[in-house]
Amino acid sequence: MAHTQLQGGRRGKTIRAGFARIPRLRLGLAGVVFITGCTTLAPQYERPEIDMPASFRFEPAAVAATADTAWWQQFGDPVLDELIATALANNYSVEIAAANVEQALGIVTQTRSALYPQLGYGASGEELRSPDTGLTAAIPNLPNPQDTYQAFLSASWELDLWGRIRNLSEAAQASMLATEEARRGVILTLVSSVADSYISLRGLDEQLAVSKETLKAYGEFVRLYELQYKYGQSSLMTVVQAQSQYETAATQIPQIESRIAQLENALSVLLGSNPGEIPRGKPISEMIAPVAPAGLPSTLLERRPDLLQAEQALIASNAQIGAAKALYFPTISLTGALGSTSSSLSDLFEGSTRTWNYAGQVVGPIFTFGAVSGQVAQAEAAQRAALASYKLAVQNAFADVDNAFVSNQKIGQQLDAQKRLVKALAEYERLARLQYDGGYVPYSTVLQAQQALFPAELTLAALRASVLTSSADIYRAMGGGWINEADKMIGRAPPPVDQADGPPPLF
């Protein structure tokens, strides 16, 4: 037997039957399809009202329209640009996120397919021999064994009168878009993390250089005071004090080298490679901090992937309410068959062997003892939770941006103060040494100056890196179209938008 071959086009158009012998079914289906495109039980979705500040609290006076550009190029380091390009191409988290989007697209296609008739085919052949007694013996000339052959086309269709399938499709579409925004969030985090890690690495490189230069200078002092002690021009205490200062500086170098190696390993993982050495470009002192991107708080709703992801989750939960409410109403299904049945394979497609049937089925609830109302309550509660999650995500986004702005501002002020401190301590150390060489102060005065200068120089190197990473954190917090620029680097096209009104794939 064969199920009726039905063709479904855009919603509201007439459905054509695959056989002309059933005009009543064809007219009935046309009317039903018209109704199908009009009913939905989901609440009307509107973006929630947000209590939005007029501006960011700590936005700097100097901003630029750079939210939609490859902001990391403003650092002026080609090595960093190359590392980010490598990470976008090879990072496994990006690959996982992209695969998740493809999986979500498959779910959308699968869910939406139920809006249309499901067509199929089948064929069978059977040979049956019965015992030569009983009915077989009583009927003369009854063939034994008997052959039976069948070939058929089939079709089945659930009429979506109450919008259950359409709401499930909308929920799947929103979930797919949420997964896409999650992928964009991975891109955002990856680019920012590579920039932060590289800048921190260059900051540690400067700290290591400072430590080695300081250790070299302290070594010269130890050698000088040992000679002076040898010829009776200084005391053993001075030599020991100089040696203790030398060893204090020496202990810093292995610590910094260990942190450099660990950061290189972490950065290698971001690049999608095994742990190894990371190439270097410009020193930290020559890198330029990107200008803060311009934008109002309201633009975050369209810029930040996590907010767009939260909104799509809200849209999906809203559609699930309609799908749950549709369970209160009957499900109407149509099935049909068109084919041939014959005892001889050669006669299978003769006109006399043709067979067909069609049927309709209506199934609905009467007493479910809370099975349907429970699903509706779950969907409504999930929608309220998604709404609260969205509003919370928006508030956190505002806080993230303000935190990034104030951090960048205050670290910049701290850097300026640290520069002045290092300059003053360096002068103090120079004067203390001159006074010691002139015999005016004990060596403990020099030691005290050196003990203050060395960590101050290390802090200065760390602050230089922090100012640059805080600039990257602003772009991480603001989001923006620069994620599209990163996508272009890996040749990724955006996912398809809602196609619920178009025909689905045939297979």
Protein backbone atom coordinates (compact mmCIF):
# COMPACT_ATOMS: atom_id res chain seq x y z
CA MET A 1 0.00 0.00 0.00
CA ALA A 2 1.08 3.55 -0.51
CA HIS A 3 0.48 6.63 1.55
CA THR A 4 -0.93 9.63 -0.29
CA GLN A 5 1.70 11.90 -1.78
CA LEU A 6 1.04 15.43 -0.51
CA GLN A 7 2.95 18.59 -1.35
CA GLY A 8 3.25 21.41 1.19
CA GLY A 9 4.27 24.91 0.13
CA ARG A 10 3.98 28.18 2.01
CA ARG A 11 1.42 28.33 4.80
CA GLY A 12 -2.06 29.31 3.59
CA LYS A 13 -1.64 27.82 0.10
CA THR A 14 -3.72 24.94 -1.24
CA ILE A 15 -2.38 21.45 -0.62
CA ARG A 16 -2.29 19.29 -3.73
CA ALA A 17 -3.08 15.61 -3.35
CA GLY A 18 -1.01 13.06 -5.19
CA PHE A 19 -4.04 11.38 -6.64
CA ALA A 20 -7.09 12.89 -8.30
CA ARG A 21 -9.66 10.36 -7.15
CA ILE A 22 -10.21 12.03 -3.77
CA PRO A 23 -11.40 15.61 -4.44
CA ARG A 24 -13.20 15.88 -1.09
CA LEU A 25 -9.97 15.22 0.79
CA ARG A 26 -8.16 17.77 -1.36
CA LEU A 27 -10.71 20.52 -0.64
CA GLY A 28 -10.83 19.65 3.05
CA LEU A 29 -7.08 19.85 3.36
CA ALA A 30 -6.99 23.23 1.65
CA GLY A 31 -9.42 24.63 4.21
CA VAL A 32 -7.57 23.09 7.12
CA VAL A 33 -4.22 24.47 5.97
CA PHE A 34 -5.70 27.95 5.84
CA ILE A 35 -6.69 27.61 9.50
CA THR A 36 -3.32 26.09 10.41
CA GLY A 37 -1.40 29.25 9.56
CA CYS A 38 -3.52 31.49 11.78
CA THR A 39 -3.58 30.07 15.31
CA THR A 40 -0.95 30.25 18.02
CA LEU A 41 -1.32 30.06 21.78
CA ALA A 42 2.08 31.53 22.70
CA PRO A 43 2.15 34.96 24.38
CA GLN A 44 3.14 37.86 22.14
CA TYR A 45 6.87 38.39 22.65
CA GLU A 46 8.21 41.88 23.26
CA ARG A 47 11.65 42.76 24.51
CA PRO A 48 11.36 43.44 28.26
CA GLU A 49 11.52 46.98 29.54
CA ILE A 50 14.89 47.61 31.20
CA ASP A 51 15.70 50.33 33.71
CA MET A 52 18.64 51.64 31.76
CA PRO A 53 21.12 54.33 32.85
CA ALA A 54 21.59 57.26 30.49
CA SER A 55 25.36 56.79 30.39
CA PHE A 56 28.16 54.80 31.95
CA ARG A 57 29.47 56.16 35.24
CA PHE A 58 33.16 56.12 34.38
CA GLU A 59 33.20 56.45 30.59
CA PRO A 60 36.33 58.39 29.59
CA ALA A 61 36.13 61.68 27.77
CA ALA A 62 38.13 60.36 24.81
CA VAL A 63 36.25 57.63 22.95
CA ALA A 64 36.14 56.52 19.32
CA ALA A 65 33.81 54.55 17.06
CA THR A 66 35.95 51.42 17.24
CA ALA A 67 33.45 48.88 18.58
CA ASP A 68 33.04 47.34 15.12
CA THR A 69 36.74 47.20 14.19
CA ALA A 70 39.57 44.77 14.91
CA TRP A 71 40.51 46.69 18.05
CA TRP A 72 43.54 44.52 18.90
CA GLN A 73 45.36 45.98 15.92
CA GLN A 74 45.53 49.29 17.78
CA PHE A 75 48.24 47.81 20.02
CA GLY A 76 50.53 48.09 17.02
CA ASP A 77 52.15 44.67 17.46
CA PRO A 78 52.04 42.44 14.34
CA VAL A 79 53.00 39.40 16.46
CA LEU A 80 49.87 39.84 18.58
CA ASP A 81 47.76 40.16 15.41
CA GLU A 82 49.20 36.90 14.12
CA LEU A 83 48.61 35.11 17.43
CA ILE A 84 44.95 36.14 17.45
CA ALA A 85 44.53 34.98 13.85
CA THR A 86 46.10 31.64 14.76
CA ALA A 87 43.87 31.23 17.80
CA LEU A 88 40.73 31.95 15.78
CA ALA A 89 41.75 29.35 13.22
CA ASN A 90 42.93 26.59 15.58
CA ASN A 91 41.33 26.99 19.00
CA TYR A 92 39.35 23.91 19.99
CA SER A 93 36.80 25.82 22.06
CA VAL A 94 35.84 27.73 18.91
CA GLU A 95 35.57 24.45 17.01
CA ILE A 96 33.37 22.95 19.74
CA ALA A 97 31.14 26.04 19.78
CA ALA A 98 30.77 25.93 15.98
CA ALA A 99 29.83 22.25 16.12
CA ASN A 100 27.21 23.05 18.77
CA VAL A 101 25.65 25.57 16.38
CA GLU A 102 25.55 22.98 13.60
CA GLN A 103 23.88 20.56 16.00
CA ALA A 104 21.30 23.20 16.94
CA LEU A 105 20.63 23.87 13.25
CA GLY A 106 19.93 20.18 12.79
CA ILE A 107 17.41 20.29 15.63
CA VAL A 108 15.68 23.26 13.96
CA THR A 109 15.42 21.37 10.68
CA GLN A 110 14.15 18.25 12.43
CA THR A 111 11.54 20.13 14.48
CA ARG A 112 10.29 22.23 11.56
CA SER A 113 9.89 19.20 9.30
CA ALA A 114 6.77 18.19 11.26
CA LEU A 115 4.97 21.21 9.74
CA TYR A 116 4.92 19.44 6.38
CA PRO A 117 3.66 16.11 5.05
CA GLN A 118 6.04 13.25 5.61
CA LEU A 119 6.46 11.24 2.40
CA GLY A 120 7.86 7.73 2.14
CA TYR A 121 7.86 4.53 0.12
CA GLY A 122 8.07 0.81 0.63
CA ALA A 123 8.09 -2.51 -1.18
CA SER A 124 7.78 -6.13 -0.07
CA GLY A 125 7.66 -9.64 -1.49
CA GLU A 126 6.49 -12.83 0.23
CA GLU A 127 6.15 -16.52 -0.65
CA LEU A 128 3.96 -18.63 1.67
CA ARG A 129 3.38 -22.40 1.53
CA SER A 130 0.48 -23.79 3.54
CA PRO A 131 -0.03 -27.41 4.64
CA ASP A 132 -1.72 -29.67 2.06
CA THR A 133 -4.53 -30.37 4.53
CA GLY A 134 -7.50 -28.43 5.79
CA LEU A 135 -8.58 -25.37 3.83
CA THR A 136 -5.81 -25.76 1.26
CA ALA A 137 -6.99 -29.29 0.37
CA ALA A 138 -10.66 -28.27 0.34
CA ILE A 139 -10.22 -25.49 -2.23
CA PRO A 140 -9.39 -26.85 -5.66
CA ASN A 141 -6.73 -25.19 -7.77
CA LEU A 142 -5.58 -23.00 -4.85
CA PRO A 143 -1.98 -22.07 -5.56
CA ASN A 144 0.40 -23.42 -2.97
CA PRO A 145 2.82 -21.83 -2.30
CA GLN A 146 1.32 -18.33 -2.73
CA ASP A 147 3.28 -15.25 -3.80
CA THR A 148 2.44 -11.70 -2.70
CA TYR A 149 4.16 -8.52 -3.92
CA GLN A 150 3.50 -4.94 -2.79
CA ALA A 151 4.81 -1.49 -3.73
CA PHE A 152 3.50 1.68 -2.18
CA LEU A 153 3.98 5.38 -1.52
CA SER A 154 3.00 6.83 1.84
CA ALA A 155 2.26 10.19 3.40
CA SER A 156 1.27 11.38 6.85
CA TRP A 157 0.63 14.82 8.21
CA GLU A 158 -0.23 16.28 11.60
CA LEU A 159 -2.30 19.43 11.09
CA ASP A 160 -0.86 22.15 13.31
CA LEU A 161 -4.18 23.85 14.08
CA TRP A 162 -3.13 25.15 17.48
CA GLY A 163 0.45 26.10 16.67
CA ARG A 164 2.13 23.41 18.76
CA ILE A 165 4.65 22.48 16.08
CA ARG A 166 5.18 26.08 15.03
CA ASN A 167 5.89 27.07 18.61
CA LEU A 168 8.29 24.17 19.02
CA SER A 169 9.98 25.28 15.80
CA GLU A 170 10.23 28.85 17.07
CA ALA A 171 11.70 27.58 20.34
CA ALA A 172 14.24 25.47 18.43
CA GLN A 173 15.12 28.45 16.23
CA ALA A 174 15.65 30.66 19.29
CA SER A 175 17.73 27.97 20.97
CA MET A 176 19.87 27.73 17.85
CA LEU A 177 20.39 31.49 17.82
CA ALA A 178 21.25 31.35 21.52
CA THR A 179 23.85 28.70 20.69
CA GLU A 180 25.21 30.96 17.96
CA GLU A 181 25.51 33.81 20.46
CA ALA A 182 27.30 31.43 22.81
CA ARG A 183 29.74 30.73 19.97
CA ARG A 184 30.21 34.47 19.47
CA GLY A 185 30.83 34.73 23.19
CA VAL A 186 33.61 32.16 22.83
CA ILE A 187 35.14 34.34 20.08
CA LEU A 188 34.88 37.40 22.33
CA THR A 189 36.54 35.62 25.24
CA LEU A 190 39.20 34.02 23.06
CA VAL A 191 40.38 37.24 21.40
CA SER A 192 40.42 39.08 24.73
CA SER A 193 42.19 36.20 26.47
CA VAL A 194 44.91 35.97 23.82
CA ALA A 195 45.47 39.73 24.03
CA ASP A 196 45.51 39.68 27.84
CA SER A 197 47.85 36.68 27.98
CA TYR A 198 50.28 38.11 25.44
CA ILE A 199 50.39 41.50 27.13
CA SER A 200 50.85 39.87 30.54
CA LEU A 201 53.65 37.78 29.02
CA ARG A 202 55.39 40.90 27.74
CA GLY A 203 54.95 42.46 31.18
CA LEU A 204 56.64 39.47 32.77
CA ASP A 205 59.41 39.74 30.17
CA GLU A 206 60.03 43.30 31.33
CA GLN A 207 60.00 42.22 34.97
CA LEU A 208 62.53 39.51 34.13
CA ALA A 209 64.73 42.04 32.34
CA VAL A 210 64.54 44.39 35.34
CA SER A 211 65.41 41.54 37.69
CA LYS A 212 68.40 40.47 35.62
CA GLU A 213 69.70 44.03 35.29
CA THR A 214 69.26 44.55 39.02
CA LEU A 215 70.98 41.25 39.78
CA LYS A 216 73.87 42.23 37.52
CA ALA A 217 74.22 45.59 39.28
CA TYR A 218 74.05 43.96 42.72
CA GLY A 219 76.70 41.47 41.62
CA GLU A 220 79.00 44.34 40.73
CA PHE A 221 78.42 45.86 44.16
CA VAL A 222 79.25 42.55 45.86
CA ARG A 223 82.47 42.25 43.86
CA LEU A 224 83.41 45.86 44.66
CA TYR A 225 82.79 45.50 48.41
CA GLU A 226 84.62 42.20 48.55
CA LEU A 227 87.66 43.95 47.07
CA GLN A 228 87.27 46.83 49.52
CA TYR A 229 87.01 44.38 52.39
CA LYS A 230 90.09 42.54 51.12
CA TYR A 231 92.11 45.72 51.31
CA GLY A 232 90.55 46.90 54.56
CA GLN A 233 88.41 49.66 53.11
CA SER A 234 85.04 48.20 54.17
CA SER A 235 83.68 45.88 56.81
CA LEU A 236 82.57 42.29 56.48
CA MET A 237 79.06 43.42 57.44
CA THR A 238 78.90 45.57 54.30
CA VAL A 239 79.90 42.61 52.16
CA VAL A 240 77.29 40.37 53.78
CA GLN A 241 74.59 43.00 53.38
CA ALA A 242 75.44 43.37 49.68
CA GLN A 243 75.36 39.61 49.25
CA SER A 244 71.94 39.38 50.94
CA GLN A 245 70.60 42.04 48.57
CA TYR A 246 72.05 40.12 45.61
CA GLU A 247 70.41 36.86 46.69
CA THR A 248 67.09 38.62 47.27
CA ALA A 249 67.11 39.74 43.64
CA ALA A 250 68.25 36.29 42.53
CA THR A 251 65.22 34.62 44.11
CA GLN A 252 62.87 36.71 41.96
CA ILE A 253 64.22 35.42 38.66
CA PRO A 254 63.11 31.75 38.97
CA GLN A 255 59.66 32.88 40.12
CA ILE A 256 59.22 35.14 37.10
CA GLU A 257 60.61 32.51 34.72
CA SER A 258 58.16 29.97 36.11
CA ARG A 259 55.24 32.36 35.57
CA ILE A 260 56.46 33.06 32.02
CA ALA A 261 56.59 29.35 31.20
CA GLN A 262 53.11 28.74 32.63
CA LEU A 263 51.69 31.70 30.72
CA GLU A 264 53.32 30.49 27.51
CA ASN A 265 51.73 27.08 28.04
CA ALA A 266 48.30 28.63 28.64
CA LEU A 267 48.68 30.80 25.56
CA SER A 268 49.73 27.78 23.51
CA VAL A 269 46.48 26.04 24.45
CA LEU A 270 44.54 29.12 23.30
CA LEU A 271 46.41 28.89 20.01
CA GLY A 272 45.38 25.26 19.63
CA SER A 273 48.93 23.94 19.87
CA ASN A 274 51.04 21.95 22.30
CA PRO A 275 52.91 23.87 25.01
CA GLY A 276 55.87 25.72 23.61
CA GLU A 277 57.64 29.03 23.30
CA ILE A 278 55.61 32.03 22.20
CA PRO A 279 57.11 34.52 19.73
CA ARG A 280 57.61 38.09 20.96
CA GLY A 281 56.98 41.39 19.24
CA LYS A 282 57.18 44.88 20.63
CA PRO A 283 58.24 45.48 24.25
CA ILE A 284 55.49 46.49 26.61
CA SER A 285 56.71 50.09 26.72
CA GLU A 286 56.18 50.51 22.95
CA MET A 287 52.67 49.08 22.74
CA ILE A 288 49.78 51.53 22.41
CA ALA A 289 46.59 51.22 24.45
CA PRO A 290 43.46 51.11 22.25
CA VAL A 291 41.05 54.02 22.49
CA ALA A 292 37.89 53.19 24.43
CA PRO A 293 34.92 52.37 22.15
CA ALA A 294 32.01 54.78 22.12
CA GLY A 295 28.53 53.57 22.96
CA LEU A 296 25.47 54.03 25.14
CA PRO A 297 24.23 51.48 27.69
CA SER A 298 21.33 50.63 25.38
CA THR A 299 23.75 49.42 22.70
CA LEU A 300 24.89 46.61 24.98
CA LEU A 301 21.59 44.83 24.29
CA GLU A 302 22.67 44.39 20.67
CA ARG A 303 26.44 44.13 21.18
CA ARG A 304 27.06 41.61 23.94
CA PRO A 305 26.64 37.96 22.94
CA ASP A 306 25.66 36.90 26.45
CA LEU A 307 22.73 39.35 26.46
CA LEU A 308 21.59 38.25 23.02
CA GLN A 309 21.92 34.64 24.16
CA ALA A 310 19.80 35.35 27.25
CA GLU A 311 17.15 37.06 25.13
CA GLN A 312 16.96 34.12 22.72
CA ALA A 313 16.52 31.81 25.71
CA LEU A 314 13.63 34.03 26.79
CA ILE A 315 12.08 33.84 23.31
CA ALA A 316 12.41 30.05 23.34
CA SER A 317 10.74 29.76 26.75
CA ASN A 318 7.95 32.07 25.54
CA ALA A 319 7.27 29.78 22.58
CA GLN A 320 7.31 26.70 24.81
CA ILE A 321 4.27 28.11 26.63
CA GLY A 322 2.30 28.02 23.38
CA ALA A 323 3.45 24.48 22.65
CA ALA A 324 2.36 23.36 26.12
CA LYS A 325 -1.06 25.06 25.90
CA ALA A 326 -1.70 23.39 22.55
CA LEU A 327 -1.80 20.03 24.37
CA TYR A 328 -5.24 21.01 25.74
CA PHE A 329 -6.61 20.70 22.19
CA PRO A 330 -7.03 17.69 19.91
CA THR A 331 -4.33 16.48 17.56
CA ILE A 332 -5.55 15.91 14.00
CA SER A 333 -3.56 13.64 11.71
CA LEU A 334 -4.06 12.55 8.10
CA THR A 335 -2.61 9.43 6.52
CA GLY A 336 -2.92 7.94 3.06
CA ALA A 337 -1.68 5.10 0.90
CA LEU A 338 -1.37 4.54 -2.84
CA GLY A 339 0.16 1.41 -4.36
CA SER A 340 -0.27 -2.02 -5.90
CA THR A 341 -0.66 -5.55 -4.58
CA SER A 342 -0.23 -8.61 -6.81
CA SER A 343 0.52 -12.31 -6.63
CA SER A 344 2.83 -11.93 -9.62
CA LEU A 345 5.73 -9.56 -9.81
CA SER A 346 5.17 -9.04 -13.55
CA ASP A 347 1.59 -7.87 -12.92
CA LEU A 348 2.41 -5.61 -9.98
CA PHE A 349 1.81 -2.34 -11.79
CA GLU A 350 -1.24 -3.38 -13.81
CA GLY A 351 -4.35 -1.27 -13.29
CA SER A 352 -6.30 -4.07 -11.65
CA THR A 353 -3.74 -4.39 -8.85
CA ARG A 354 -3.97 -0.76 -7.70
CA THR A 355 -5.04 -0.06 -4.12
CA TRP A 356 -5.37 3.06 -2.02
CA ASN A 357 -6.75 4.36 1.23
CA TYR A 358 -6.82 7.51 3.31
CA ALA A 359 -7.79 8.19 6.90
CA GLY A 360 -8.05 10.96 9.45
CA GLN A 361 -7.55 10.73 13.19
CA VAL A 362 -8.51 13.07 16.01
CA VAL A 363 -7.02 12.49 19.46
CA GLY A 364 -7.59 14.83 22.39
CA PRO A 365 -7.46 14.89 26.19
CA ILE A 366 -10.45 14.68 28.52
CA PHE A 367 -9.07 13.95 31.99
CA THR A 368 -5.27 14.02 32.32
CA PHE A 369 -5.13 14.69 36.07
CA GLY A 370 -2.61 17.50 35.69
CA ALA A 371 -0.43 16.07 32.92
CA VAL A 372 -1.15 19.00 30.58
CA SER A 373 -1.61 21.73 33.19
CA GLY A 374 1.63 20.63 34.79
CA GLN A 375 3.49 21.12 31.50
CA VAL A 376 1.92 24.55 31.07
CA ALA A 377 2.93 25.51 34.62
CA GLN A 378 6.49 24.33 33.94
CA ALA A 379 6.68 26.37 30.73
CA GLU A 380 5.33 29.51 32.40
CA ALA A 381 7.73 29.16 35.33
CA ALA A 382 10.63 28.62 32.93
CA GLN A 383 9.62 31.79 31.08
CA ARG A 384 9.63 33.80 34.31
CA ALA A 385 13.05 32.40 35.20
CA ALA A 386 14.37 33.25 31.73
CA LEU A 387 13.00 36.78 32.07
CA ALA A 388 14.70 37.28 35.42
CA SER A 389 17.93 35.79 34.03
CA TYR A 390 17.83 38.23 31.13
CA LYS A 391 17.33 41.24 33.38
CA LEU A 392 20.10 40.05 35.69
CA ALA A 393 22.44 39.57 32.73
CA VAL A 394 21.73 43.14 31.58
CA GLN A 395 22.51 44.55 35.02
CA ASN A 396 25.72 42.52 35.21
CA ALA A 397 26.68 43.83 31.77
CA PHE A 398 26.27 47.42 32.91
CA ALA A 399 28.43 46.65 35.94
CA ASP A 400 31.06 44.93 33.77
CA VAL A 401 31.42 47.96 31.54
CA ASP A 402 31.62 50.40 34.44
CA ASN A 403 34.14 48.15 36.20
CA ALA A 404 36.26 48.00 33.05
CA PHE A 405 36.15 51.78 32.61
CA VAL A 406 36.99 52.59 36.23
CA SER A 407 39.72 49.95 36.33
CA ASN A 408 41.34 51.38 33.21
CA GLN A 409 41.08 54.89 34.59
CA LYS A 410 42.46 54.11 38.04
CA ILE A 411 45.23 51.81 36.81
CA GLY A 412 46.32 54.62 34.50
CA GLN A 413 46.49 56.98 37.46
CA GLN A 414 48.36 54.36 39.47
CA LEU A 415 50.84 53.91 36.62
CA ASP A 416 51.57 57.63 36.52
CA ALA A 417 52.14 57.67 40.27
CA GLN A 418 54.34 54.57 40.06
CA LYS A 419 56.51 56.19 37.41
CA ARG A 420 57.07 59.16 39.71
CA LEU A 421 57.79 56.81 42.61
CA VAL A 422 60.38 54.82 40.67
CA LYS A 423 62.04 58.03 39.53
CA ALA A 424 62.21 59.32 43.12
CA LEU A 425 63.47 55.99 44.51
CA ALA A 426 66.13 55.75 41.80
CA GLU A 427 67.36 59.23 42.72
CA TYR A 428 67.26 58.33 46.42
CA GLU A 429 69.33 55.19 45.76
CA ARG A 430 71.87 57.21 43.75
CA LEU A 431 72.25 59.84 46.46
CA ALA A 432 72.47 57.21 49.20
CA ARG A 433 75.32 55.51 47.34
CA LEU A 434 77.15 58.80 46.85
CA GLN A 435 76.84 59.58 50.55
CA TYR A 436 78.02 56.08 51.47
CA ASP A 437 81.02 56.39 49.16
CA GLY A 438 81.80 59.74 50.84
CA GLY A 439 81.58 58.15 54.26
CA TYR A 440 78.53 60.13 55.40
CA VAL A 441 76.02 57.28 55.87
CA PRO A 442 76.27 53.57 56.65
CA TYR A 443 75.65 50.98 53.96
CA SER A 444 72.29 50.16 55.54
CA THR A 445 71.03 53.42 54.03
CA VAL A 446 72.00 52.20 50.55
CA LEU A 447 70.47 48.82 51.31
CA GLN A 448 67.22 50.43 52.35
CA ALA A 449 67.08 52.45 49.13
CA GLN A 450 67.74 49.39 47.01
CA GLN A 451 65.11 47.35 48.88
CA ALA A 452 62.51 49.99 47.99
CA LEU A 453 63.61 50.56 44.37
CA PHE A 454 63.69 46.96 43.09
CA PRO A 455 60.06 45.97 43.89
CA ALA A 456 58.91 49.38 42.71
CA GLU A 457 60.47 48.71 39.30
CA LEU A 458 58.76 45.30 39.15
CA THR A 459 55.44 46.91 40.03
CA LEU A 460 55.96 49.51 37.31
CA ALA A 461 56.40 46.77 34.69
CA ALA A 462 53.27 45.00 35.94
CA LEU A 463 51.23 48.23 35.81
CA ARG A 464 52.30 48.91 32.24
CA ALA A 465 50.83 45.53 31.31
CA SER A 466 47.72 46.12 33.44
CA VAL A 467 46.90 49.37 31.66
CA LEU A 468 46.94 47.57 28.31
CA THR A 469 44.96 44.54 29.51
CA SER A 470 42.37 46.84 31.09
CA SER A 471 41.88 48.38 27.65
CA ALA A 472 41.23 44.91 26.26
CA ASP A 473 38.78 44.27 29.11
CA ILE A 474 36.75 47.29 28.00
CA TYR A 475 36.25 45.76 24.57
CA ARG A 476 35.42 42.43 26.19
CA ALA A 477 32.76 44.12 28.34
CA MET A 478 31.33 46.27 25.52
CA GLY A 479 31.10 43.52 22.93
CA GLY A 480 30.47 44.85 19.45
CA GLY A 481 30.61 44.14 15.77
CA TRP A 482 34.33 43.37 16.01
CA ILE A 483 33.24 39.78 16.62
CA ASN A 484 32.03 39.77 13.01
CA GLU A 485 35.48 40.94 11.96
CA ALA A 486 36.97 38.01 13.87
CA ASP A 487 34.50 35.67 12.15
CA LYS A 488 35.65 36.94 8.77
CA MET A 489 39.18 35.89 9.67
CA ILE A 490 38.01 32.29 9.99
CA GLY A 491 35.65 32.52 7.02
CA ARG A 492 32.47 31.78 8.94
CA ALA A 493 29.09 32.85 7.59
CA PRO A 494 26.24 33.78 9.96
CA PRO A 495 23.57 31.12 10.60
CA PRO A 496 20.32 31.23 8.61
CA VAL A 497 17.52 33.35 10.02
CA ASP A 498 13.94 32.19 10.51
CA GLN A 499 12.76 30.26 7.47
CA ALA A 500 9.48 28.96 8.89
CA ASP A 501 7.54 30.29 5.89
CA GLY A 502 9.70 28.53 3.32
CA PRO A 503 9.75 24.91 2.23
CA PRO A 504 11.96 22.55 4.24
CA PRO A 505 14.63 20.27 2.75
CA LEU A 506 13.13 17.22 1.04
CA PHE A 507 15.40 14.81 2.94
